[in-house]
């Protein structure tokens, strides 16, 4: 069974870190979320879309972190 609360909590923490310009932590949390989605991919109808969105978020965090923005 999928634990949606776990997903929402991690996503909330990741977006909070992003708003606070803590890109390293945001990227870390988005990666954790991506790994949890991977574990439950058979149960998630739009898994591929969610995976791509999270990957783009991670890439953006890494770019911002590397450019000290």
Protein backbone atom coordinates (compact mmCIF):
# COMPACT_ATOMS: atom_id res chain seq x y z
CA UNK A 1 0.00 0.00 0.00
CA UNK A 2 1.30 3.47 -0.88
CA UNK A 3 1.92 5.88 1.97
CA UNK A 4 0.81 9.19 0.46
CA UNK A 5 1.48 11.09 3.67
CA UNK A 6 5.16 10.14 3.39
CA UNK A 7 5.26 11.50 -0.17
CA UNK A 8 3.51 14.74 0.75
CA UNK A 9 5.74 15.34 3.77
CA UNK A 10 8.93 14.87 1.79
CA UNK A 11 7.63 16.99 -1.09
CA UNK A 12 6.65 19.72 1.36
CA UNK A 13 10.09 19.65 2.96
CA UNK A 14 11.77 19.74 -0.46
CA UNK A 15 9.75 22.71 -1.69
CA UNK A 16 10.38 24.52 1.61
CA UNK A 17 14.12 23.98 1.18
CA UNK A 18 13.82 25.27 -2.38
CA UNK A 19 12.03 28.44 -1.23
CA UNK A 20 14.75 28.95 1.38
CA UNK A 21 17.44 28.62 -1.35
CA UNK A 22 18.75 25.46 0.30
CA UNK A 23 19.23 23.77 -3.06
CA UNK A 24 21.46 20.96 -1.82
CA UNK A 25 18.83 19.80 0.69
CA UNK A 26 16.01 20.28 -1.84
CA UNK A 27 17.86 18.16 -4.39
CA UNK A 28 18.53 15.50 -1.74
CA UNK A 29 14.85 15.36 -0.74
CA UNK A 30 13.64 15.24 -4.37
CA UNK A 31 16.04 12.32 -4.90
CA UNK A 32 14.60 10.53 -1.87
CA UNK A 33 11.10 11.08 -3.23
CA UNK A 34 12.19 9.76 -6.61
CA UNK A 35 13.54 6.60 -4.99
CA UNK A 36 10.26 6.08 -3.12
CA UNK A 37 8.32 6.53 -6.35
CA UNK A 38 10.61 3.97 -7.97
CA UNK A 39 9.72 1.47 -5.23
CA UNK A 40 5.99 2.01 -5.82
CA UNK A 41 6.03 2.59 -9.59
CA UNK A 42 3.74 -0.36 -10.30
CA UNK A 43 1.03 1.28 -8.19
CA UNK A 44 1.38 4.82 -9.57
CA UNK A 45 -0.54 5.43 -12.77
CA UNK A 46 1.43 8.51 -13.84
CA UNK A 47 4.80 7.33 -12.56
CA UNK A 48 6.74 8.27 -15.71
CA UNK A 49 5.40 11.83 -15.64
CA UNK A 50 6.14 12.23 -11.93
CA UNK A 51 9.63 10.84 -12.45
CA UNK A 52 10.36 13.39 -15.18
CA UNK A 53 9.04 16.27 -13.06
CA UNK A 54 11.22 15.25 -10.11
CA UNK A 55 14.27 14.86 -12.34
CA UNK A 56 13.73 18.38 -13.69
CA UNK A 57 13.40 19.70 -10.13
CA UNK A 58 16.65 17.97 -9.18
CA UNK A 59 18.43 19.36 -12.24
CA UNK A 60 17.18 22.87 -11.46
CA UNK A 61 18.34 22.61 -7.84
CA UNK A 62 21.76 21.42 -8.96
CA UNK A 63 22.09 24.27 -11.47
CA UNK A 64 21.07 26.84 -8.88
CA UNK A 65 23.40 25.33 -6.28
CA UNK A 66 26.35 25.26 -8.68
CA UNK A 67 25.77 28.87 -9.77
CA UNK A 68 25.40 30.10 -6.17
CA UNK A 69 22.05 31.70 -6.97
